[in-house]
Amino acid sequence: MEYSHFKEHTDRVVESCSRVIVGKEETVRLIFISFLCSGHVLLEDVPGTGKTMLLKAFARTVGSGFKRIQFTPDLLPSDLTGINFYNQKTGEFQFREGPLFTNIVLADEINRATPRTQSSLLEAMEESQITVDGVTYPMAEPFFVMATQNPVESYGTFPLPEAQLDRFFMRLSLGYMTREQEMEVVSRPSTADILNSLEPVVSPEVIREMKELYTKVRVQKDVLGYMMDIVEKTRTESRFVTGVSTRGAIALYKASQAMAASLGRDFVIPEDVKAAAPWVLSHRIISRGGESFEDARKYLGQIMEDIPVPMENLR
């Protein structure tokens, strides 16, 4: 596969999802990049902005299995992973798979579940496997989790700890549409009908090729140094309690490679790093004032403005 084909496939995915979710092409591209990098996404926004509909459209577009899990305070870890039950017909215990055994999982309102249930996602997200009663089961390939949470509701919620936030490849936000876009959505036919009409635009074979191809995108030493300048600055900035971890630095490297490939290039430029960094790094930073995710993203942008950008011919 050529990188021009990589770009074409990415554009088709973005275009297909945009039939359902209008005006959020950048967010769809970032979700697809996370998917190709075998990462997971935390999508934070107010209710009713289309978070659930977006992932349903994405699952149909890439032709993958999809399951939605509504997180509630009484949800148990076994409700996610599955259980061993006694089959009276065979006289033996039999494993019944939970909803995590699929390709794409929507963990809806993840901050409403207890920490014990939240932590049951960790092994599946990080190791692509689940252990039940001492037996380990591999996850499907590809395996992608998108968790959502509503930032304005604090009653009855359990904020995700920093260690679990760091497991997410990107933290994104949809935001409201423009006036014209919202008028178009309000007056058009049912969104469910549009969703049901979507067909896969990439095959599993193409996805496997894309997952392999983006890792071959070249990163020059100067650009890698630019990435590390950003990471190290977050660790020394006085307004931050903790900076970006090594896991975060690796995620930025992968995201920059996939970003370049999605634009048809086989090499990374500083603009790719700038485009990926706010979404990959902001949720891995803890500020002293306890500011919101948006504030952390703004602070990170201010830091990046002060870091010299390599200007050489990166070809």
Foldseek 3Di string as FASTA:
>chain_A
DALVVLQVLLVQLLVQLCVLQPPQSLVSSLQVLCLLQLFEEEEEEAPPNCPVVSVLSNCQQQVWDEDEDEAAQPDALCQAAWAWDQDPVVRDTDTDGHPQQIAEYEHEAVQLYDPNNSCSCVCCSPVQWHADPRDIDHHDPPHYYYYYHYPVDDPNTHDDDLVSLLRGQFYHYRDHDDPVRVVVVVPDPDSVVSSVPGHHPHYPVRSVVLSVLLVQQAEDPQLLVLLVQLQVCLQPDPQWPHTADPSLSVSLVSQQSSQQSNVRHSYGANVSSVSSVLGRTQSNTHGPVRDDSVVSSVVSVVVSVPRDGDDDDRD
